[in-house]
Each structure stands twice: as C-alpha cells, then as structure tokens.
Amino acid sequence: MNRYHFPTTTGDLKSARWIYCKGFLFLTILLLSVTIILIDHFSWKLSALLALTVWSSARFYYFLFYVIEKYVDPSYKFAGIFSFLLYLVKRRASTHHPQ
C-alpha cells in the first residue's frame, strides 16, 4: 500500500494539492529559465521580448483550450496542442468535403 499517497501516472490528476504543486513547479521553471537567460544576456529589449513571449504563450494556450470550446465549437474537448492541430485538420477536411 502506498502510504504517502503519491499520484499515479494513470488517469487525471484530481488532488487539489498536487494540482497546485504542478502549477508551482511550472512557475518555478518559468522564473528560473527567464532569470538564467537574463543573467547570461541581459538587455531591456530581451526582457521585453521574453515578457511578450510568456504573455502571448499563456493567452494562446487559453485560446486553444477555453475560447474554442466555449465560443466556437462546444463539441471540441481540449486535450493538448497536438489534439487542437488534429481538430483543425479534421475540421478543414470536413468543410472541403461535405458529406
């Protein structure tokens, strides 16, 4: 029996504690990466470009998983960027070859 209750690698992550931990780890990776880049190659231009990259990446991801599902196609269920690309290909094929 697993007395520490670590999440398994199968199924969806459901524990609020582990979900917050995962989010904190992503934030840590982001901050460490940006810090190392700026320490090695500091410039205001690079700082601004990194800030825009982080912001636009987050907004694009939000667009993929929320905007498409809630406002464009409620039948679409987001499962990752690759699934979105497949969705676009299938959608395009169905509009070019109606049944």
C-alpha atoms as a PDB file:
ATOM      1  CA  MET A   1       0.000   0.000   0.000  1.00  0.00           C
ATOM      2  CA  ASN A   2       1.257   3.465  -0.890  1.00  0.00           C
ATOM      3  CA  ARG A   3       1.191   5.258   2.468  1.00  0.00           C
ATOM      4  CA  TYR A   4       2.390   8.586   1.008  1.00  0.00           C
ATOM      5  CA  HIS A   5      -0.497   8.821  -1.477  1.00  0.00           C
ATOM      6  CA  PHE A   6       1.631   9.944  -4.415  1.00  0.00           C
ATOM      7  CA  PRO A   7      -0.409  10.419  -7.569  1.00  0.00           C
ATOM      8  CA  THR A   8      -0.166   7.663 -10.128  1.00  0.00           C
ATOM      9  CA  THR A   9       0.787   8.280 -13.744  1.00  0.00           C
ATOM     10  CA  THR A  10      -2.557   6.977 -14.997  1.00  0.00           C
ATOM     11  CA  GLY A  11      -5.767   8.953 -15.166  1.00  0.00           C
ATOM     12  CA  ASP A  12      -6.405  12.610 -14.488  1.00  0.00           C
ATOM     13  CA  LEU A  13      -4.798  14.455 -11.621  1.00  0.00           C
ATOM     14  CA  LYS A  14      -7.598  15.136  -9.123  1.00  0.00           C
ATOM     15  CA  SER A  15      -5.850  16.152  -5.906  1.00  0.00           C
ATOM     16  CA  ALA A  16      -6.002  19.916  -5.379  1.00  0.00           C
ATOM     17  CA  ARG A  17      -2.677  19.763  -3.503  1.00  0.00           C
ATOM     18  CA  TRP A  18      -0.896  18.079  -6.433  1.00  0.00           C
ATOM     19  CA  ILE A  19      -2.541  20.370  -8.972  1.00  0.00           C
ATOM     20  CA  TYR A  20      -1.240  23.416  -7.067  1.00  0.00           C
ATOM     21  CA  CYS A  21       2.172  21.727  -6.764  1.00  0.00           C
ATOM     22  CA  LYS A  22       2.241  21.163 -10.524  1.00  0.00           C
ATOM     23  CA  GLY A  23       1.330  24.808 -11.174  1.00  0.00           C
ATOM     24  CA  PHE A  24       4.017  25.994  -8.753  1.00  0.00           C
ATOM     25  CA  LEU A  25       6.600  23.790 -10.495  1.00  0.00           C
ATOM     26  CA  PHE A  26       5.664  25.296 -13.877  1.00  0.00           C
ATOM     27  CA  LEU A  27       6.032  28.778 -12.397  1.00  0.00           C
ATOM     28  CA  THR A  28       9.421  27.798 -10.930  1.00  0.00           C
ATOM     29  CA  ILE A  29      10.640  26.529 -14.311  1.00  0.00           C
ATOM     30  CA  LEU A  30       9.453  29.753 -15.952  1.00  0.00           C
ATOM     31  CA  LEU A  31      11.127  32.047 -13.430  1.00  0.00           C
ATOM     32  CA  LEU A  32      14.396  30.101 -13.382  1.00  0.00           C
ATOM     33  CA  SER A  33      14.546  29.993 -17.179  1.00  0.00           C
ATOM     34  CA  VAL A  34      13.902  33.709 -17.600  1.00  0.00           C
ATOM     35  CA  THR A  35      16.374  34.535 -14.817  1.00  0.00           C
ATOM     36  CA  ILE A  36      19.142  32.420 -16.375  1.00  0.00           C
ATOM     37  CA  ILE A  37      18.530  33.902 -19.836  1.00  0.00           C
ATOM     38  CA  LEU A  38      18.652  37.461 -18.481  1.00  0.00           C
ATOM     39  CA  ILE A  39      21.745  36.796 -16.357  1.00  0.00           C
ATOM     40  CA  ASP A  40      23.577  35.448 -19.400  1.00  0.00           C
ATOM     41  CA  HIS A  41      22.354  38.039 -21.942  1.00  0.00           C
ATOM     42  CA  PHE A  42      20.717  40.987 -20.193  1.00  0.00           C
ATOM     43  CA  SER A  43      19.179  43.735 -22.270  1.00  0.00           C
ATOM     44  CA  TRP A  44      15.944  45.681 -21.953  1.00  0.00           C
ATOM     45  CA  LYS A  45      14.962  44.550 -25.434  1.00  0.00           C
ATOM     46  CA  LEU A  46      15.408  40.885 -24.493  1.00  0.00           C
ATOM     47  CA  SER A  47      13.495  41.458 -21.246  1.00  0.00           C
ATOM     48  CA  ALA A  48      10.567  42.923 -23.161  1.00  0.00           C
ATOM     49  CA  LEU A  49      10.627  40.141 -25.740  1.00  0.00           C
ATOM     50  CA  LEU A  50      10.666  37.481 -23.023  1.00  0.00           C
ATOM     51  CA  ALA A  51       7.739  39.157 -21.263  1.00  0.00           C
ATOM     52  CA  LEU A  52       5.780  39.278 -24.533  1.00  0.00           C
ATOM     53  CA  THR A  53       6.632  35.640 -25.272  1.00  0.00           C
ATOM     54  CA  VAL A  54       5.422  34.469 -21.862  1.00  0.00           C
ATOM     55  CA  TRP A  55       2.260  36.567 -22.023  1.00  0.00           C
ATOM     56  CA  SER A  56       1.332  35.627 -25.595  1.00  0.00           C
ATOM     57  CA  SER A  57       2.047  31.925 -24.954  1.00  0.00           C
ATOM     58  CA  ALA A  58      -0.330  31.936 -21.999  1.00  0.00           C
ATOM     59  CA  ARG A  59      -3.011  33.764 -23.997  1.00  0.00           C
ATOM     60  CA  PHE A  60      -2.612  31.361 -26.955  1.00  0.00           C
ATOM     61  CA  TYR A  61      -2.967  28.345 -24.677  1.00  0.00           C
ATOM     62  CA  TYR A  62      -6.092  29.908 -23.120  1.00  0.00           C
ATOM     63  CA  PHE A  63      -7.435  30.472 -26.638  1.00  0.00           C
ATOM     64  CA  LEU A  64      -6.832  26.825 -27.546  1.00  0.00           C
ATOM     65  CA  PHE A  65      -8.473  25.232 -24.556  1.00  0.00           C
ATOM     66  CA  TYR A  66     -11.146  27.727 -23.483  1.00  0.00           C
ATOM     67  CA  VAL A  67     -12.164  30.065 -26.288  1.00  0.00           C
ATOM     68  CA  ILE A  68     -12.531  27.370 -28.952  1.00  0.00           C
ATOM     69  CA  GLU A  69     -14.519  25.069 -26.642  1.00  0.00           C
ATOM     70  CA  LYS A  70     -16.783  27.764 -25.136  1.00  0.00           C
ATOM     71  CA  TYR A  71     -17.366  30.132 -28.060  1.00  0.00           C
ATOM     72  CA  VAL A  72     -16.505  28.405 -31.352  1.00  0.00           C
ATOM     73  CA  ASP A  73     -17.243  24.676 -31.078  1.00  0.00           C
ATOM     74  CA  PRO A  74     -18.732  23.298 -27.838  1.00  0.00           C
ATOM     75  CA  SER A  75     -18.250  19.733 -29.141  1.00  0.00           C
ATOM     76  CA  TYR A  76     -14.463  20.191 -29.117  1.00  0.00           C
ATOM     77  CA  LYS A  77     -12.750  18.970 -25.927  1.00  0.00           C
ATOM     78  CA  PHE A  78      -9.180  20.185 -25.496  1.00  0.00           C
ATOM     79  CA  ALA A  79      -6.566  17.512 -24.820  1.00  0.00           C
ATOM     80  CA  GLY A  80      -3.384  19.371 -25.805  1.00  0.00           C
ATOM     81  CA  ILE A  81      -1.879  21.366 -28.635  1.00  0.00           C
ATOM     82  CA  PHE A  82      -1.497  18.271 -30.826  1.00  0.00           C
ATOM     83  CA  SER A  83      -5.200  17.476 -30.406  1.00  0.00           C
ATOM     84  CA  PHE A  84      -6.015  21.043 -31.477  1.00  0.00           C
ATOM     85  CA  LEU A  85      -3.930  20.636 -34.643  1.00  0.00           C
ATOM     86  CA  LEU A  86      -5.784  17.394 -35.426  1.00  0.00           C
ATOM     87  CA  TYR A  87      -9.064  19.194 -34.768  1.00  0.00           C
ATOM     88  CA  LEU A  88      -8.120  21.896 -37.302  1.00  0.00           C
ATOM     89  CA  VAL A  89      -7.118  19.326 -39.929  1.00  0.00           C
ATOM     90  CA  LYS A  90     -10.348  17.340 -39.457  1.00  0.00           C
ATOM     91  CA  ARG A  91     -12.462  20.485 -39.454  1.00  0.00           C
ATOM     92  CA  ARG A  92     -10.810  21.757 -42.624  1.00  0.00           C
ATOM     93  CA  ALA A  93     -11.246  18.382 -44.331  1.00  0.00           C
ATOM     94  CA  SER A  94     -14.945  18.277 -43.420  1.00  0.00           C
ATOM     95  CA  THR A  95     -15.556  21.793 -44.806  1.00  0.00           C
ATOM     96  CA  HIS A  96     -13.793  20.939 -48.093  1.00  0.00           C
ATOM     97  CA  HIS A  97     -15.518  17.560 -48.480  1.00  0.00           C
ATOM     98  CA  PRO A  98     -19.062  17.821 -47.156  1.00  0.00           C
ATOM     99  CA  GLN A  99     -20.887  14.516 -46.843  1.00  0.00           C
END
